Protein backbone atom coordinates (compact mmCIF):
# COMPACT_ATOMS: atom_id res chain seq x y z
CA UNK A 1 -82.69 -69.79 -110.20
CA UNK A 2 -79.59 -69.10 -112.31
CA UNK A 3 -79.27 -66.89 -115.38
CA UNK A 4 -79.06 -69.95 -117.63
CA UNK A 5 -82.25 -71.36 -116.16
CA UNK A 6 -83.94 -67.98 -116.53
CA UNK A 7 -82.99 -67.87 -120.21
CA UNK A 8 -84.48 -71.34 -120.80
CA UNK A 9 -87.67 -70.33 -119.00
CA UNK A 10 -88.09 -67.07 -120.91
CA UNK A 11 -87.38 -68.80 -124.23
CA UNK A 12 -90.07 -71.40 -123.53
CA UNK A 13 -92.63 -68.71 -122.72
CA UNK A 14 -91.84 -66.12 -125.41
CA UNK A 15 -90.29 -68.35 -128.11
CA UNK A 16 -90.45 -66.43 -131.40
CA UNK A 17 -91.02 -63.01 -129.89
CA UNK A 18 -88.22 -60.59 -130.81
CA UNK A 19 -86.01 -59.86 -127.86
CA UNK A 20 -83.16 -58.02 -129.59
CA UNK A 21 -83.30 -55.43 -132.36
CA UNK A 22 -79.89 -54.58 -133.80
CA UNK A 23 -79.65 -52.54 -136.99
CA UNK A 24 -81.46 -54.70 -139.58
CA UNK A 25 -81.39 -57.87 -137.48
CA UNK A 26 -83.96 -59.30 -135.10
CA UNK A 27 -83.19 -62.05 -132.59
CA UNK A 28 -85.96 -63.95 -130.84
CA UNK A 29 -85.90 -65.37 -127.34
CA UNK A 30 -85.62 -68.86 -128.81
CA UNK A 31 -82.72 -67.87 -131.07
CA UNK A 32 -80.94 -66.27 -128.13
CA UNK A 33 -81.34 -69.43 -126.08
CA UNK A 34 -80.12 -71.68 -128.90
CA UNK A 35 -77.11 -69.48 -129.70
CA UNK A 36 -76.11 -69.21 -126.04
CA UNK A 37 -76.31 -72.99 -125.72
CA UNK A 38 -74.12 -73.58 -128.76
CA UNK A 39 -71.55 -71.00 -127.68
CA UNK A 40 -71.47 -72.50 -124.19
CA UNK A 41 -70.61 -75.84 -125.77
CA UNK A 42 -67.90 -74.18 -127.85
CA UNK A 43 -66.39 -72.54 -124.79
CA UNK A 44 -66.56 -75.86 -122.96
CA UNK A 45 -64.59 -77.44 -125.81
CA UNK A 46 -61.95 -74.74 -125.26
CA UNK A 47 -61.64 -75.79 -121.64
CA UNK A 48 -63.91 -73.26 -119.91
CA UNK A 49 -65.38 -74.78 -116.75
CA UNK A 50 -67.47 -73.74 -113.78
CA UNK A 51 -65.73 -71.00 -111.80
CA UNK A 52 -63.35 -69.98 -114.60
CA UNK A 53 -63.00 -66.26 -115.31
CA UNK A 54 -63.54 -65.34 -118.96
CA UNK A 55 -62.58 -61.88 -120.21
CA UNK A 56 -65.21 -60.19 -122.38
CA UNK A 57 -63.96 -57.01 -124.02
CA UNK A 58 -66.68 -56.16 -126.52
CA UNK A 59 -68.53 -53.03 -127.62
CA UNK A 60 -72.33 -53.07 -127.93
CA UNK A 61 -72.94 -56.04 -130.22
CA UNK A 62 -75.36 -59.00 -130.09
CA UNK A 63 -72.30 -61.17 -129.41
CA UNK A 64 -72.02 -59.58 -125.96
CA UNK A 65 -75.54 -60.78 -125.12
CA UNK A 66 -74.80 -64.28 -126.42
CA UNK A 67 -71.56 -64.60 -124.47
CA UNK A 68 -73.07 -63.18 -121.29
CA UNK A 69 -75.61 -66.00 -121.13
CA UNK A 70 -73.29 -68.68 -122.55
CA UNK A 71 -70.65 -68.05 -119.87
CA UNK A 72 -73.34 -67.94 -117.18
CA UNK A 73 -74.82 -71.22 -118.41
CA UNK A 74 -71.45 -72.94 -117.93
CA UNK A 75 -71.17 -71.63 -114.39
CA UNK A 76 -68.16 -69.58 -115.50
CA UNK A 77 -67.70 -65.87 -114.74
CA UNK A 78 -68.05 -62.91 -117.11
CA UNK A 79 -65.14 -60.51 -116.55
CA UNK A 80 -66.50 -57.56 -118.51
CA UNK A 81 -63.76 -55.18 -119.64
CA UNK A 82 -64.22 -51.63 -120.87
CA UNK A 83 -63.78 -51.85 -124.65
CA UNK A 84 -62.20 -48.37 -124.74
CA UNK A 85 -59.20 -49.32 -122.62
CA UNK A 86 -55.70 -49.45 -124.01
CA UNK A 87 -53.84 -52.77 -123.96
CA UNK A 88 -51.79 -51.69 -120.94
CA UNK A 89 -54.96 -51.02 -118.93
CA UNK A 90 -56.64 -54.22 -120.10
CA UNK A 91 -53.62 -56.21 -118.98
CA UNK A 92 -54.12 -55.03 -115.40
CA UNK A 93 -57.58 -56.60 -115.44
CA UNK A 94 -56.48 -59.80 -117.17
CA UNK A 95 -53.61 -60.27 -114.74
CA UNK A 96 -55.74 -59.48 -111.69
CA UNK A 97 -58.66 -61.68 -112.75
CA UNK A 98 -56.48 -64.54 -113.97
CA UNK A 99 -58.55 -64.85 -117.15
CA UNK A 100 -56.98 -67.36 -119.56
CA UNK A 101 -59.46 -66.68 -122.38
CA UNK A 102 -60.36 -63.25 -123.78
CA UNK A 103 -63.20 -62.41 -126.16
CA UNK A 104 -62.58 -59.26 -128.21
CA UNK A 105 -63.81 -57.44 -131.27
CA UNK A 106 -61.75 -57.66 -134.42
CA UNK A 107 -60.52 -54.08 -133.88
CA UNK A 108 -58.65 -55.16 -130.71
CA UNK A 109 -57.30 -58.44 -132.09
CA UNK A 110 -53.70 -57.28 -132.56
CA UNK A 111 -53.52 -55.84 -129.05
CA UNK A 112 -55.06 -59.04 -127.66
CA UNK A 113 -52.38 -61.14 -129.35
CA UNK A 114 -49.73 -58.89 -127.83
CA UNK A 115 -51.32 -59.48 -124.42
CA UNK A 116 -50.83 -63.22 -124.89
CA UNK A 117 -47.10 -62.55 -124.84
CA UNK A 118 -47.12 -60.43 -121.69
CA UNK A 119 -49.81 -62.01 -119.49
CA UNK A 120 -51.26 -65.38 -118.51
CA UNK A 121 -53.73 -65.13 -121.37
CA UNK A 122 -53.82 -68.32 -123.44
CA UNK A 123 -56.71 -68.04 -125.91
CA UNK A 124 -58.32 -65.19 -127.84
CA UNK A 125 -61.77 -65.37 -129.44
CA UNK A 126 -62.42 -62.68 -132.04
CA UNK A 127 -65.85 -61.35 -133.05
CA UNK A 128 -66.24 -60.12 -136.65
CA UNK A 129 -62.71 -61.27 -137.52
CA UNK A 130 -61.28 -63.49 -140.24
CA UNK A 131 -60.01 -67.05 -139.84
CA UNK A 132 -56.54 -67.09 -138.30
CA UNK A 133 -54.24 -69.65 -136.73
CA UNK A 134 -53.53 -67.24 -133.88
CA UNK A 135 -57.11 -66.52 -132.80
CA UNK A 136 -60.40 -68.39 -132.58
CA UNK A 137 -63.20 -66.89 -134.68
CA UNK A 138 -66.58 -66.41 -133.03
CA UNK A 139 -68.25 -68.36 -135.85
CA UNK A 140 -66.33 -71.50 -134.89
CA UNK A 141 -68.08 -71.53 -131.54
CA UNK A 142 -71.49 -71.19 -133.18
CA UNK A 143 -70.97 -74.49 -134.98
CA UNK A 144 -70.76 -76.39 -131.68
CA UNK A 145 -73.41 -78.72 -130.33
CA UNK A 146 -75.06 -78.83 -126.88
CA UNK A 147 -72.79 -78.79 -123.83
CA UNK A 148 -72.26 -81.95 -121.82
CA UNK A 149 -71.58 -81.09 -118.19
CA UNK A 150 -73.02 -82.10 -114.81
CA UNK A 151 -71.20 -79.29 -112.97
CA UNK A 152 -74.10 -76.86 -112.90
CA UNK A 153 -74.03 -73.40 -111.33
CA UNK A 154 -75.99 -72.49 -108.20
CA UNK A 155 -77.82 -69.20 -107.58
CA UNK A 156 -75.19 -67.91 -105.15
CA UNK A 157 -72.25 -68.73 -107.44
CA UNK A 158 -70.34 -65.81 -108.99
CA UNK A 159 -71.41 -64.97 -112.54
CA UNK A 160 -69.69 -61.65 -113.18
CA UNK A 161 -66.70 -59.60 -112.13
CA UNK A 162 -67.01 -55.92 -113.05
CA UNK A 163 -64.11 -53.55 -112.54
CA UNK A 164 -65.21 -50.15 -111.30
CA UNK A 165 -61.62 -48.99 -111.75
CA UNK A 166 -58.85 -50.54 -113.84
CA UNK A 167 -56.06 -48.94 -111.83
CA UNK A 168 -53.06 -51.21 -111.42
CA UNK A 169 -52.52 -49.90 -107.89
CA UNK A 170 -56.03 -50.32 -106.56
CA UNK A 171 -58.25 -52.46 -108.81
CA UNK A 172 -61.83 -52.63 -107.56
CA UNK A 173 -63.46 -55.76 -108.95
CA UNK A 174 -67.08 -56.29 -107.91
CA UNK A 175 -68.18 -59.95 -107.77
CA UNK A 176 -71.88 -60.50 -108.53
CA UNK A 177 -73.88 -63.72 -108.28
CA UNK A 178 -76.77 -65.12 -110.31
CA UNK A 179 -79.02 -64.25 -107.38
CA UNK A 180 -77.74 -60.64 -107.33
CA UNK A 181 -78.60 -60.14 -110.99
CA UNK A 182 -82.02 -61.76 -110.88
CA UNK A 183 -82.97 -59.85 -107.72
CA UNK A 184 -82.01 -56.53 -109.29
CA UNK A 185 -83.80 -57.38 -112.54
CA UNK A 186 -87.00 -57.95 -110.59
CA UNK A 187 -86.46 -54.80 -108.54
CA UNK A 188 -85.86 -52.67 -111.65
CA UNK A 189 -88.84 -54.09 -113.54
CA UNK A 190 -91.07 -53.37 -110.54
CA UNK A 191 -89.71 -49.84 -110.02
CA UNK A 192 -90.04 -48.81 -113.66
CA UNK A 193 -93.22 -50.72 -114.46
CA UNK A 194 -91.60 -52.57 -117.37
CA UNK A 195 -93.98 -54.93 -119.20
CA UNK A 196 -93.74 -57.35 -122.16
CA UNK A 197 -94.91 -54.47 -124.36
CA UNK A 198 -91.87 -52.34 -123.58
CA UNK A 199 -88.94 -51.85 -125.91
CA UNK A 200 -85.94 -50.40 -124.09
CA UNK A 201 -83.18 -48.80 -126.12
CA UNK A 202 -79.65 -49.57 -124.96
CA UNK A 203 -77.12 -46.84 -125.67
CA UNK A 204 -74.98 -47.23 -122.56
CA UNK A 205 -72.04 -49.65 -122.85
CA UNK A 206 -72.87 -53.24 -121.93
CA UNK A 207 -69.53 -53.71 -120.20
CA UNK A 208 -70.88 -51.50 -117.37
CA UNK A 209 -73.49 -52.61 -114.86
CA UNK A 210 -75.90 -49.82 -115.83
CA UNK A 211 -75.97 -50.88 -119.48
CA UNK A 212 -76.36 -54.52 -118.55
CA UNK A 213 -79.15 -54.14 -116.04
CA UNK A 214 -81.45 -51.31 -117.03
CA UNK A 215 -81.80 -51.80 -120.78
CA UNK A 216 -80.70 -55.41 -121.35
CA UNK A 217 -81.58 -57.64 -118.42
CA UNK A 218 -84.60 -55.73 -117.08
CA UNK A 219 -86.59 -55.94 -120.34
CA UNK A 220 -85.40 -59.54 -120.71
CA UNK A 221 -86.77 -60.39 -117.27
CA UNK A 222 -90.08 -58.70 -118.11
CA UNK A 223 -90.44 -60.51 -121.45
CA UNK A 224 -90.02 -57.24 -123.33
CA UNK A 225 -87.56 -56.24 -126.02
CA UNK A 226 -84.17 -54.58 -126.23
CA UNK A 227 -83.00 -52.21 -128.96
CA UNK A 228 -79.22 -52.22 -129.13
CA UNK A 229 -77.20 -49.36 -130.61
CA UNK A 230 -73.45 -49.64 -131.06
CA UNK A 231 -72.99 -46.34 -129.26
CA UNK A 232 -74.76 -43.09 -128.61
CA UNK A 233 -74.78 -40.85 -131.68
CA UNK A 234 -76.67 -37.57 -131.67
CA UNK A 235 -77.25 -37.98 -135.41
CA UNK A 236 -78.62 -41.54 -135.20
CA UNK A 237 -80.40 -41.51 -131.85
CA UNK A 238 -83.73 -39.87 -132.68
CA UNK A 239 -84.19 -41.78 -135.97
CA UNK A 240 -83.60 -45.02 -134.06
CA UNK A 241 -86.06 -44.07 -131.31
CA UNK A 242 -88.70 -43.44 -133.97
CA UNK A 243 -87.87 -46.44 -136.17
CA UNK A 244 -88.00 -49.04 -133.40
CA UNK A 245 -90.81 -47.38 -131.43
CA UNK A 246 -88.77 -47.38 -128.25
CA UNK A 247 -90.73 -46.92 -125.03
CA UNK A 248 -87.80 -46.07 -122.75
CA UNK A 249 -84.05 -45.64 -122.54
CA UNK A 250 -81.43 -45.10 -119.87
CA UNK A 251 -78.81 -42.37 -120.15
CA UNK A 252 -76.38 -40.20 -118.21
CA UNK A 253 -76.82 -36.42 -117.76
CA UNK A 254 -74.39 -35.72 -120.61
CA UNK A 255 -76.69 -37.39 -123.13
CA UNK A 256 -79.75 -35.47 -121.98
CA UNK A 257 -77.78 -32.22 -122.30
CA UNK A 258 -76.81 -33.14 -125.88
CA UNK A 259 -80.37 -34.14 -126.81
CA UNK A 260 -81.64 -30.78 -125.56
CA UNK A 261 -79.51 -29.07 -128.21
CA UNK A 262 -80.76 -31.10 -131.19
CA UNK A 263 -82.66 -28.80 -133.56
CA UNK A 264 -84.81 -31.33 -135.44
CA UNK A 265 -86.58 -33.37 -132.75
CA UNK A 266 -90.05 -32.52 -134.12
CA UNK A 267 -89.26 -34.38 -137.35
CA UNK A 268 -89.60 -37.73 -135.60
CA UNK A 269 -92.56 -39.60 -134.14
CA UNK A 270 -91.52 -40.22 -130.54
CA UNK A 271 -95.01 -40.81 -129.16
CA UNK A 272 -94.10 -44.32 -127.96
CA UNK A 273 -91.53 -42.95 -125.49
CA UNK A 274 -93.02 -43.13 -121.99
CA UNK A 275 -90.02 -42.54 -119.73
CA UNK A 276 -86.26 -42.06 -119.56
CA UNK A 277 -84.05 -43.22 -116.72
CA UNK A 278 -81.15 -41.08 -115.53
CA UNK A 279 -78.44 -42.07 -113.10
CA UNK A 280 -74.65 -42.17 -112.55
CA UNK A 281 -74.40 -38.46 -111.70
CA UNK A 282 -76.67 -35.58 -110.58
CA UNK A 283 -78.91 -34.21 -113.34
CA UNK A 284 -79.14 -30.39 -113.33
CA UNK A 285 -82.73 -29.22 -112.93
CA UNK A 286 -82.61 -26.98 -116.01
CA UNK A 287 -81.53 -29.90 -118.20
CA UNK A 288 -84.33 -32.10 -116.82
CA UNK A 289 -87.05 -29.51 -117.35
CA UNK A 290 -85.83 -28.56 -120.82
CA UNK A 291 -85.78 -32.21 -121.89
CA UNK A 292 -89.24 -33.01 -120.54
CA UNK A 293 -90.71 -29.93 -122.21
CA UNK A 294 -89.02 -30.61 -125.52
CA UNK A 295 -89.74 -34.34 -125.79
CA UNK A 296 -93.05 -34.51 -123.91
CA UNK A 297 -91.94 -37.37 -121.69
CA UNK A 298 -90.55 -37.70 -118.19
CA UNK A 299 -87.15 -38.41 -116.77
CA UNK A 300 -87.03 -40.77 -113.81
CA UNK A 301 -84.00 -40.11 -111.65
CA UNK A 302 -82.45 -42.99 -109.78
CA UNK A 303 -79.33 -44.09 -108.01
CA UNK A 304 -77.21 -47.17 -108.19
CA UNK A 305 -73.73 -48.60 -108.06
CA UNK A 306 -72.06 -51.76 -109.28
CA UNK A 307 -71.72 -53.02 -105.71
CA UNK A 308 -75.54 -53.15 -105.62
CA UNK A 309 -75.60 -54.86 -109.04
CA UNK A 310 -76.96 -51.60 -110.43
CA UNK A 311 -80.24 -50.00 -109.36
CA UNK A 312 -80.64 -49.10 -105.67
CA UNK A 313 -83.32 -46.40 -105.69
CA UNK A 314 -85.73 -44.78 -108.15
CA UNK A 315 -88.23 -41.95 -108.07
CA UNK A 316 -91.81 -43.25 -108.32
CA UNK A 317 -93.09 -43.36 -111.89
CA UNK A 318 -96.77 -42.88 -111.05
CA UNK A 319 -96.87 -40.69 -107.96
CA UNK A 320 -94.94 -37.92 -106.21
CA UNK A 321 -91.54 -37.12 -107.70
CA UNK A 322 -88.91 -34.86 -106.18
CA UNK A 323 -86.54 -33.31 -108.68
CA UNK A 324 -82.96 -33.70 -107.56
CA UNK A 325 -83.80 -36.68 -105.36
CA UNK A 326 -82.56 -40.22 -106.03
CA UNK A 327 -86.01 -41.41 -105.00
CA UNK A 328 -86.99 -44.35 -102.83
CA UNK A 329 -85.24 -47.70 -102.27
CA UNK A 330 -86.18 -50.46 -104.70
CA UNK A 331 -88.46 -53.26 -103.49
CA UNK A 332 -86.82 -55.74 -101.15
CA UNK A 333 -83.81 -53.55 -100.39
CA UNK A 334 -83.22 -51.40 -97.31
CA UNK A 335 -81.48 -48.04 -97.38
CA UNK A 336 -80.40 -45.92 -94.43
CA UNK A 337 -78.34 -42.82 -93.66
CA UNK A 338 -75.63 -43.74 -91.17
CA UNK A 339 -73.03 -42.04 -89.00
CA UNK A 340 -69.32 -43.08 -89.14
CA UNK A 341 -70.07 -45.96 -86.71
CA UNK A 342 -72.83 -47.31 -88.95
CA UNK A 343 -75.70 -46.16 -86.72
CA UNK A 344 -78.84 -44.99 -88.50
CA UNK A 345 -79.44 -41.25 -88.41
CA UNK A 346 -82.80 -39.53 -88.17
CA UNK A 347 -84.45 -37.84 -91.14
CA UNK A 348 -82.80 -34.65 -92.29
CA UNK A 349 -79.37 -35.65 -90.93
CA UNK A 350 -76.48 -36.05 -93.38
CA UNK A 351 -74.43 -39.23 -93.35
CA UNK A 352 -73.30 -42.12 -95.50
CA UNK A 353 -75.85 -43.99 -97.62
CA UNK A 354 -75.88 -47.67 -96.69
CA UNK A 355 -77.93 -50.41 -98.34
CA UNK A 356 -78.81 -54.01 -97.66
CA UNK A 357 -80.59 -56.55 -99.84
CA UNK A 358 -80.32 -59.50 -102.24
CA UNK A 359 -78.80 -57.23 -104.90
CA UNK A 360 -75.71 -56.40 -102.78
CA UNK A 361 -72.49 -57.89 -104.16
CA UNK A 362 -70.64 -60.95 -102.90
CA UNK A 363 -67.57 -58.77 -102.41
CA UNK A 364 -64.43 -57.51 -104.13
CA UNK A 365 -62.39 -60.06 -106.07
CA UNK A 366 -59.11 -60.99 -104.38
CA UNK A 367 -59.54 -58.23 -101.79
CA UNK A 368 -60.94 -59.45 -98.50
CA UNK A 369 -59.75 -56.33 -96.70
CA UNK A 370 -61.74 -54.04 -99.01
CA UNK A 371 -64.72 -56.42 -98.83
CA UNK A 372 -64.73 -56.35 -95.03
CA UNK A 373 -64.54 -52.55 -95.11
CA UNK A 374 -67.39 -52.21 -97.61
CA UNK A 375 -69.69 -54.85 -96.13
CA UNK A 376 -70.61 -54.76 -92.47
CA UNK A 377 -73.25 -57.21 -91.24
CA UNK A 378 -74.65 -57.31 -94.73
CA UNK A 379 -74.78 -53.51 -95.03
CA UNK A 380 -72.98 -51.97 -97.99
CA UNK A 381 -71.09 -48.76 -97.30
CA UNK A 382 -71.66 -46.89 -100.59
CA UNK A 383 -69.20 -44.06 -99.98
CA UNK A 384 -71.91 -41.58 -101.00
CA UNK A 385 -73.12 -38.94 -98.56
CA UNK A 386 -76.75 -37.94 -98.37
CA UNK A 387 -79.86 -37.44 -96.29
CA UNK A 388 -83.48 -38.62 -96.13
CA UNK A 389 -86.27 -36.05 -96.04
CA UNK A 390 -89.52 -36.20 -94.09
CA UNK A 391 -91.29 -37.96 -96.97
CA UNK A 392 -88.68 -40.71 -97.11
CA UNK A 393 -86.94 -39.49 -100.29
CA UNK A 394 -83.16 -39.70 -100.45
CA UNK A 395 -80.77 -37.01 -101.67
CA UNK A 396 -77.04 -37.18 -102.40
CA UNK A 397 -74.88 -34.29 -101.24
CA UNK A 398 -71.37 -35.55 -101.94
CA UNK A 399 -68.91 -38.43 -102.08
CA UNK A 400 -66.49 -39.81 -99.51
CA UNK A 401 -64.38 -41.26 -102.31
CA UNK A 402 -62.21 -39.09 -104.54
CA UNK A 403 -63.60 -39.95 -107.94
CA UNK A 404 -64.33 -38.02 -111.14
CA UNK A 405 -67.48 -38.86 -113.09
CA UNK A 406 -67.10 -37.77 -116.71
CA UNK A 407 -70.10 -38.54 -118.90
CA UNK A 408 -71.06 -41.42 -116.62
CA UNK A 409 -67.56 -42.95 -116.59
CA UNK A 410 -65.75 -43.26 -113.25
CA UNK A 411 -62.17 -41.97 -113.28
CA UNK A 412 -59.71 -42.42 -110.42
CA UNK A 413 -57.59 -39.23 -110.21
CA UNK A 414 -54.67 -41.24 -108.84
CA UNK A 415 -54.55 -43.38 -111.97
CA UNK A 416 -54.33 -40.27 -114.16
CA UNK A 417 -51.65 -38.81 -111.89
CA UNK A 418 -49.61 -42.00 -112.19
CA UNK A 419 -49.87 -41.88 -115.98
CA UNK A 420 -48.75 -38.25 -116.00
CA UNK A 421 -45.73 -39.11 -113.85
CA UNK A 422 -44.57 -41.59 -116.51
CA UNK A 423 -43.73 -38.52 -118.60
CA UNK A 424 -40.05 -37.91 -117.81
CA UNK A 425 -40.52 -34.16 -118.18
CA UNK A 426 -42.90 -33.92 -115.19
CA UNK A 427 -41.69 -33.38 -111.64
CA UNK A 428 -45.09 -33.54 -109.90
CA UNK A 429 -48.75 -33.73 -110.93
CA UNK A 430 -52.22 -33.43 -109.45
CA UNK A 431 -55.61 -34.14 -111.05
CA UNK A 432 -59.01 -32.63 -110.21
CA UNK A 433 -62.53 -32.97 -111.55
CA UNK A 434 -63.93 -29.66 -112.77
CA UNK A 435 -67.56 -28.83 -113.52
CA UNK A 436 -68.56 -29.25 -117.15
CA UNK A 437 -71.96 -28.35 -118.60
CA UNK A 438 -72.04 -31.29 -121.00
CA UNK A 439 -70.02 -34.06 -119.31
CA UNK A 440 -70.81 -33.20 -115.69
CA UNK A 441 -67.12 -33.16 -114.84
CA UNK A 442 -63.93 -32.93 -116.85
CA UNK A 443 -60.40 -33.97 -116.01
CA UNK A 444 -58.00 -31.13 -115.30
CA UNK A 445 -54.32 -31.74 -114.60
CA UNK A 446 -51.78 -29.52 -112.86
CA UNK A 447 -48.11 -30.25 -113.54
CA UNK A 448 -44.72 -28.93 -112.51
CA UNK A 449 -41.92 -29.60 -114.99
CA UNK A 450 -38.45 -30.79 -114.07
CA UNK A 451 -35.61 -28.28 -114.25
CA UNK A 452 -34.72 -27.39 -117.86
CA UNK A 453 -37.58 -29.56 -119.21
CA UNK A 454 -39.87 -28.12 -121.85
CA UNK A 455 -43.42 -29.24 -122.61
CA UNK A 456 -46.69 -27.76 -123.74
CA UNK A 457 -50.11 -28.94 -122.48
CA UNK A 458 -51.02 -30.82 -125.66
CA UNK A 459 -47.81 -32.84 -125.68
CA UNK A 460 -48.46 -33.84 -122.06
CA UNK A 461 -52.00 -34.95 -122.95
CA UNK A 462 -50.64 -36.95 -125.90
CA UNK A 463 -48.09 -38.64 -123.66
CA UNK A 464 -50.83 -39.53 -121.17
CA UNK A 465 -53.01 -41.02 -123.93
CA UNK A 466 -50.39 -43.69 -124.66
CA UNK A 467 -51.15 -45.20 -121.25
CA UNK A 468 -54.82 -44.42 -120.62
CA UNK A 469 -58.14 -44.66 -122.41
CA UNK A 470 -59.03 -41.36 -124.04
CA UNK A 471 -61.92 -40.64 -121.67
CA UNK A 472 -59.54 -40.68 -118.69
CA UNK A 473 -56.99 -38.28 -120.16
CA UNK A 474 -56.95 -34.62 -119.07
CA UNK A 475 -58.95 -32.22 -121.19
CA UNK A 476 -56.65 -29.48 -120.05
CA UNK A 477 -53.22 -29.23 -118.42
CA UNK A 478 -52.07 -26.25 -116.39
CA UNK A 479 -48.29 -25.99 -116.03
CA UNK A 480 -47.26 -24.50 -112.68
CA UNK A 481 -43.95 -23.09 -111.45
CA UNK A 482 -44.44 -25.01 -108.18
CA UNK A 483 -46.99 -27.31 -106.59
CA UNK A 484 -48.77 -26.27 -103.37
CA UNK A 485 -48.09 -29.01 -100.82
CA UNK A 486 -49.85 -30.15 -97.64
CA UNK A 487 -48.01 -31.13 -94.46
CA UNK A 488 -48.20 -34.79 -95.49
CA UNK A 489 -46.33 -34.01 -98.71
CA UNK A 490 -49.32 -34.42 -101.00
CA UNK A 491 -50.56 -31.73 -103.41
CA UNK A 492 -52.96 -29.26 -101.81
CA UNK A 493 -55.91 -29.78 -104.12
CA UNK A 494 -58.12 -27.31 -102.31
CA UNK A 495 -55.63 -24.50 -103.06
CA UNK A 496 -55.32 -25.72 -106.65
CA UNK A 497 -59.09 -25.58 -107.07
CA UNK A 498 -59.35 -22.13 -105.52
CA UNK A 499 -56.56 -20.82 -107.73
CA UNK A 500 -58.14 -22.38 -110.82
CA UNK A 501 -61.54 -20.85 -110.11
CA UNK A 502 -59.87 -17.46 -109.62
CA UNK A 503 -58.15 -17.78 -112.98
CA UNK A 504 -54.80 -18.93 -111.58
């Protein structure tokens, strides 16, 4: 089955049932199906065909949901782009993916038009924008009729390319199939016990796998409903939970930490809330316990990665739970702890987490070498280190990859270092992830200035922000007289960390 076929099937079963709540709007399964069909026809008129990559750079709006299914129905590929990226970063993805058509929100229209001059981009569709000769308004696509095409997608065809990093030097673009998505929908619904009565609130960005799968596609697969918020807002979150009678939501540790500090939670009727899913980074035990006590619900910790479509393991919702554990593998997927040669280790031994199942990606786009390294006989090397206890529960103890996770967003330190080195005042730079009570980790930069150059930390951060999305930029910059160096010529980050923790 493909995503387009699944949409038709769900629309025939649930028809006028509300699938999507967005502000004062409600969208039924039938309306979603009809809109996706009309948009698919409009995209087909623009030349989009099976196998074409289509850039989708949208914040959390119903249009994202429409386009996701419309592109899938054509057999084309959703290249979902972080809506917070700067034009320079977005161009890396457009160039790498070869997307000729880009769908953006009105707020990014000017930057998108500039990208047409500097990339292979040919067409721009704008959501919430005015009529213009330079762009195609979203409403024009909605006026289209049914699509006429015999070139139908197959379950194993690609349907999405999701960039886990937008670095120009090392772009990691995960290719997922229709089968990957549908398998992980079923796995997630089974693990979380999602039913047609559930209403899952989506506050995570839809351009990431976690937002797509856990609170959009999982309730869709179950015949439930989705409540879509434009973004997480501590002021609007609890009123929305109460207003829409949400039964669950998915969040990162940062959000749970913020919710614990809200003073007026008792003002709202949150009795419908039955569980909350937490992933992307370890959740401190004190934050978990404080949240569960305050909101009288439970947090279900899980683990996933884009290479596994999203959800790979979850703590049981109706039996033994181990705080701090990532739980048990989802149904139909195997998980092992392996040594460097890929051999399974016994319980209690620490090694790399490896998984195998129908939710594991096709591979990395345009990178066979990285694909071969990540996939070995169908087993995905996750790059995460952990162990399995005597009860079969899995725990993460570290990462093989050098990555910073800030508020659920992955940041490649090398990309930040490269942006810092574009500042002509800087001689050398190194970036580390530091512990942060709210965001989990924060970006800290260490810089040595060139001879006779002058700069203060804020001006360096401002310079960096012209090249990178705000969430990637350093929260602090420490200017050093010299950089500690390893024998290979690279910055000695262990010494930098030790010095930082000792107050430099």
